[in-house]
Amino acid sequence: SPDGMNINARCGALFPEILREKVLQHQADLGLSFDGDADRLIAVDEQGVVRDGDYILVICLHAWLREGRLTTRRVVGTVMSNLGVELAVRALGCEFIRAPVGDRYVLEEMMRTQAQLGGEQSGHLIFLDYHTTGDGILTALQLLQILRKSGKPLSALADSLQKYPQVLVNVPVAVRTDPLSCPAVRQAVETIQKDLGDGGRILVRLSGTEPVARVMIEGRNADKIRVQAHQLGEVIRQELGGT
């Protein structure tokens, strides 16, 4: 019942819980979920586990490497791609390149580096051999082809990616200033990153659409990074006057 305001509301790729229920109810092998304009895909495996664009990207990379389809060993993700994706890509002997959030930036980086595969956690994937934009139907066909050729369920293919816990905190700000321009914020980031070492990652950025700063931390220990994300958020709040 579209009313002009309820685009993607509680349905499709932005709300895969309904699809998950149907997959389990019908004991389906796979569920495929698109958004309103069908440029992104979120899948649900036969066990009812949601598999986002990070999983699909790594699954496609494995398949393309096996089939010798990659002319350049480069994959493009974004600053929001899970750290596990970067480690999985490196483990396969490929370079992982991070672009700003947005499929237009993924495409720009793919064309600059001649990468054939790129995509976002949100399910926007670009297969430059076929198309210059995200296309959920094309992504679904690529995934289905891989499943058929491998003879394995999606859950087994998804084991090729071990995701790191990820915590995202939105901090209201009164001043639209890059948080990292504040010495106290930079010091807090450096302290936490030193503690995380190579097993974690921090991203701090202003939202392009809301008066908030976004703090994202990934690491091996979910409880620990949750505390660290809120600590960093509090420093940002004190510096930029959010309420």
Protein backbone atom coordinates (compact mmCIF):
# COMPACT_ATOMS: atom_id res chain seq x y z
CA SER A 1 0.00 0.00 0.00
CA PRO A 2 2.39 2.71 -1.15
CA ASP A 3 1.68 6.21 0.13
CA GLY A 4 4.77 8.01 -1.12
CA MET A 5 6.41 7.89 2.29
CA ASN A 6 6.69 4.17 3.12
CA ILE A 7 9.36 3.18 0.60
CA ASN A 8 11.19 0.05 1.86
CA ALA A 9 9.22 0.20 5.14
CA ARG A 10 9.44 -3.16 6.94
CA CYS A 11 10.14 -5.04 3.74
CA GLY A 12 12.80 -6.12 1.30
CA ALA A 13 16.55 -5.83 1.70
CA LEU A 14 16.22 -3.26 4.48
CA PHE A 15 14.06 -5.59 6.59
CA PRO A 16 15.03 -9.22 5.81
CA GLU A 17 13.43 -10.61 8.98
CA ILE A 18 10.17 -11.37 7.12
CA LEU A 19 12.10 -13.26 4.43
CA ARG A 20 13.95 -15.19 7.12
CA GLU A 21 10.64 -16.35 8.60
CA LYS A 22 9.43 -17.52 5.17
CA VAL A 23 12.65 -19.41 4.41
CA LEU A 24 12.36 -21.35 7.67
CA GLN A 25 8.61 -21.86 7.26
CA HIS A 26 8.94 -23.37 3.79
CA GLN A 27 12.32 -25.05 4.45
CA ALA A 28 13.66 -23.21 1.41
CA ASP A 29 17.22 -23.57 0.17
CA LEU A 30 17.63 -19.83 -0.19
CA GLY A 31 15.87 -16.50 0.19
CA LEU A 32 16.55 -13.43 -1.96
CA SER A 33 15.53 -9.96 -0.86
CA PHE A 34 15.66 -6.76 -2.92
CA ASP A 35 15.00 -3.13 -2.07
CA GLY A 36 12.49 -0.81 -3.76
CA ASP A 37 14.51 -0.20 -6.93
CA ALA A 38 16.12 -3.66 -6.85
CA ASP A 39 19.71 -2.44 -7.00
CA ARG A 40 20.73 -4.30 -3.85
CA LEU A 41 20.44 -7.88 -2.67
CA ILE A 42 20.38 -9.40 0.79
CA ALA A 43 20.24 -13.19 0.98
CA VAL A 44 19.04 -15.60 3.66
CA ASP A 45 20.61 -19.05 3.83
CA GLU A 46 18.79 -22.34 4.42
CA GLN A 47 19.38 -22.03 8.17
CA GLY A 48 17.70 -18.64 8.30
CA VAL A 49 20.92 -16.64 8.68
CA VAL A 50 20.96 -13.27 6.91
CA ARG A 51 23.90 -12.91 4.49
CA ASP A 52 24.59 -9.35 3.47
CA GLY A 53 26.72 -7.83 0.73
CA ASP A 54 29.97 -8.57 2.57
CA TYR A 55 29.27 -12.30 2.43
CA ILE A 56 28.14 -12.23 -1.18
CA LEU A 57 31.24 -10.28 -2.25
CA VAL A 58 33.62 -12.81 -0.66
CA ILE A 59 31.64 -15.78 -2.05
CA CYS A 60 31.85 -14.31 -5.56
CA LEU A 61 35.57 -13.63 -5.17
CA HIS A 62 36.25 -17.26 -4.21
CA ALA A 63 34.27 -18.51 -7.21
CA TRP A 64 35.85 -16.12 -9.70
CA LEU A 65 39.33 -17.04 -8.51
CA ARG A 66 38.57 -20.76 -8.90
CA GLU A 67 37.29 -20.14 -12.43
CA GLY A 68 40.20 -17.87 -13.40
CA ARG A 69 37.87 -14.98 -14.18
CA LEU A 70 39.89 -12.24 -12.47
CA THR A 71 42.32 -10.32 -14.64
CA THR A 72 43.31 -8.10 -11.72
CA ARG A 73 43.48 -9.35 -8.16
CA ARG A 74 41.73 -6.31 -6.69
CA VAL A 75 38.42 -5.99 -4.85
CA VAL A 76 36.75 -2.72 -3.86
CA GLY A 77 34.67 -2.30 -0.72
CA THR A 78 33.88 0.73 1.42
CA VAL A 79 35.00 2.15 4.75
CA MET A 80 32.03 0.28 6.25
CA SER A 81 33.01 -3.14 4.88
CA ASN A 82 33.66 -5.52 7.76
CA LEU A 83 37.29 -6.06 8.72
CA GLY A 84 36.73 -9.76 8.10
CA VAL A 85 36.20 -9.00 4.41
CA GLU A 86 39.57 -7.27 4.16
CA LEU A 87 41.33 -10.16 5.88
CA ALA A 88 39.55 -12.76 3.72
CA VAL A 89 40.47 -10.93 0.52
CA ARG A 90 44.10 -10.59 1.58
CA ALA A 91 44.24 -14.28 2.51
CA LEU A 92 43.33 -15.07 -1.11
CA GLY A 93 46.28 -13.03 -2.34
CA CYS A 94 44.19 -10.08 -3.49
CA GLU A 95 44.27 -6.39 -2.68
CA PHE A 96 41.31 -4.88 -0.82
CA ILE A 97 40.61 -1.22 -1.57
CA ARG A 98 38.23 0.87 0.54
CA ALA A 99 36.12 3.62 -1.05
CA PRO A 100 33.78 6.11 0.67
CA VAL A 101 30.25 4.86 1.37
CA GLY A 102 28.10 4.88 -1.77
CA ASP A 103 28.05 2.67 -4.84
CA ARG A 104 29.08 5.62 -7.06
CA TYR A 105 32.36 5.81 -5.12
CA VAL A 106 32.81 2.04 -5.34
CA LEU A 107 32.40 2.29 -9.10
CA GLU A 108 34.87 5.18 -9.37
CA GLU A 109 37.49 3.20 -7.45
CA MET A 110 36.83 0.06 -9.51
CA MET A 111 37.33 1.95 -12.75
CA ARG A 112 40.45 3.65 -11.40
CA THR A 113 42.04 0.36 -10.31
CA GLN A 114 40.51 -1.88 -13.02
CA ALA A 115 38.87 -4.06 -10.37
CA GLN A 116 36.11 -6.37 -11.61
CA LEU A 117 34.38 -6.95 -8.26
CA GLY A 118 33.18 -4.38 -5.78
CA GLY A 119 30.35 -3.77 -3.39
CA GLU A 120 28.87 -2.62 -0.14
CA GLN A 121 27.65 -4.32 3.02
CA SER A 122 24.17 -2.99 2.15
CA GLY A 123 23.95 -5.37 -0.81
CA HIS A 124 24.99 -3.04 -3.64
CA LEU A 125 27.38 -5.18 -5.70
CA ILE A 126 28.98 -4.21 -8.99
CA PHE A 127 30.23 -6.74 -11.53
CA LEU A 128 32.11 -4.54 -13.94
CA ASP A 129 32.32 -7.28 -16.58
CA TYR A 130 28.56 -6.97 -16.98
CA HIS A 131 27.36 -3.62 -15.66
CA THR A 132 28.50 -0.27 -14.29
CA THR A 133 25.90 -0.07 -11.55
CA GLY A 134 24.49 -2.18 -8.75
CA ASP A 135 21.78 -4.57 -9.96
CA GLY A 136 20.14 -6.89 -7.44
CA ILE A 137 18.83 -9.27 -10.12
CA LEU A 138 22.29 -9.64 -11.64
CA THR A 139 23.78 -10.20 -8.17
CA ALA A 140 21.15 -12.86 -7.45
CA LEU A 141 21.92 -14.65 -10.72
CA GLN A 142 25.65 -14.63 -9.95
CA LEU A 143 25.00 -16.08 -6.50
CA LEU A 144 22.59 -18.74 -7.81
CA GLN A 145 25.10 -19.79 -10.47
CA ILE A 146 27.81 -20.22 -7.84
CA LEU A 147 25.47 -22.25 -5.62
CA ARG A 148 24.51 -24.54 -8.50
CA LYS A 149 28.09 -25.10 -9.66
CA SER A 150 29.40 -25.77 -6.17
CA GLY A 151 26.54 -28.01 -5.06
CA LYS A 152 26.91 -26.52 -1.59
CA PRO A 153 24.32 -24.68 0.51
CA LEU A 154 24.74 -20.95 1.05
CA SER A 155 25.64 -21.49 4.71
CA ALA A 156 28.69 -23.55 3.67
CA LEU A 157 29.85 -20.98 1.12
CA ALA A 158 29.38 -18.20 3.67
CA ASP A 159 31.91 -19.90 5.97
CA SER A 160 34.61 -18.33 3.78
CA LEU A 161 33.99 -15.08 5.66
CA GLN A 162 34.42 -14.77 9.42
CA LYS A 163 32.96 -11.42 10.37
CA TYR A 164 34.35 -9.37 13.22
CA PRO A 165 31.90 -7.92 15.75
CA GLN A 166 30.98 -4.36 14.77
CA VAL A 167 29.49 -1.62 16.93
CA LEU A 168 28.00 1.58 15.53
CA VAL A 169 27.20 4.57 17.75
CA ASN A 170 25.52 7.76 16.54
CA VAL A 171 26.53 10.85 18.54
CA PRO A 172 24.37 14.02 18.22
CA VAL A 173 26.53 17.07 17.49
CA ALA A 174 25.76 20.77 17.67
CA VAL A 175 28.74 21.77 15.53
CA ARG A 176 29.28 20.25 12.08
CA THR A 177 33.02 19.84 12.40
CA ASP A 178 35.08 16.81 11.55
CA PRO A 179 35.46 15.11 14.95
CA LEU A 180 39.04 14.15 14.08
CA SER A 181 39.94 17.83 13.91
CA CYS A 182 39.64 17.86 17.72
CA PRO A 183 42.88 16.86 19.52
CA ALA A 184 40.97 15.10 22.31
CA VAL A 185 39.09 12.94 19.81
CA ARG A 186 42.26 12.09 17.89
CA GLN A 187 43.97 11.13 21.16
CA ALA A 188 41.06 8.88 22.14
CA VAL A 189 41.07 7.21 18.72
CA GLU A 190 44.83 6.60 18.89
CA THR A 191 44.56 5.11 22.37
CA ILE A 192 41.77 2.71 21.38
CA GLN A 193 43.45 1.75 18.09
CA LYS A 194 46.67 0.96 19.94
CA ASP A 195 44.71 -1.32 22.24
CA LEU A 196 42.96 -3.03 19.31
CA GLY A 197 46.17 -3.48 17.33
CA ASP A 198 45.82 -5.31 14.01
CA GLY A 199 42.70 -7.05 15.29
CA GLY A 200 40.44 -4.02 15.15
CA ARG A 201 39.45 -0.91 13.24
CA ILE A 202 37.92 2.48 14.06
CA LEU A 203 35.96 4.78 11.77
CA VAL A 204 34.76 8.23 12.84
CA ARG A 205 32.87 10.44 10.39
CA LEU A 206 30.12 13.05 10.19
CA SER A 207 26.82 11.88 8.76
CA GLY A 208 25.98 13.42 5.42
CA THR A 209 22.25 13.41 6.21
CA GLU A 210 21.86 13.85 9.99
CA PRO A 211 23.38 16.11 12.69
CA VAL A 212 25.34 13.21 14.15
CA ALA A 213 28.85 11.84 14.18
CA ARG A 214 29.08 8.12 13.48
CA VAL A 215 31.50 6.00 15.47
CA MET A 216 32.18 2.49 14.22
CA ILE A 217 34.56 0.08 15.95
CA GLU A 218 35.34 -3.50 14.94
CA GLY A 219 37.28 -5.97 17.00
CA ARG A 220 37.45 -9.53 18.27
CA ASN A 221 35.65 -8.87 21.58
CA ALA A 222 32.11 -7.52 21.16
CA ASP A 223 31.70 -6.40 24.78
CA LYS A 224 35.02 -4.59 24.79
CA ILE A 225 34.44 -2.64 21.57
CA ARG A 226 30.94 -1.69 22.73
CA VAL A 227 32.43 0.00 25.78
CA GLN A 228 35.15 1.64 23.68
CA ALA A 229 32.63 2.97 21.13
CA HIS A 230 30.56 4.63 23.85
CA GLN A 231 33.68 6.05 25.49
CA LEU A 232 34.77 7.57 22.17
CA GLY A 233 31.24 8.84 21.57
CA GLU A 234 31.28 10.62 24.91
CA VAL A 235 34.54 12.39 24.02
CA ILE A 236 32.97 13.57 20.75
CA ARG A 237 29.85 14.77 22.58
CA GLN A 238 31.94 16.80 25.01
CA GLU A 239 33.97 18.37 22.18
CA LEU A 240 31.18 19.12 19.71
CA GLY A 241 28.39 20.03 22.09
CA GLY A 242 25.81 17.38 21.26
CA THR A 243 22.89 16.71 23.60
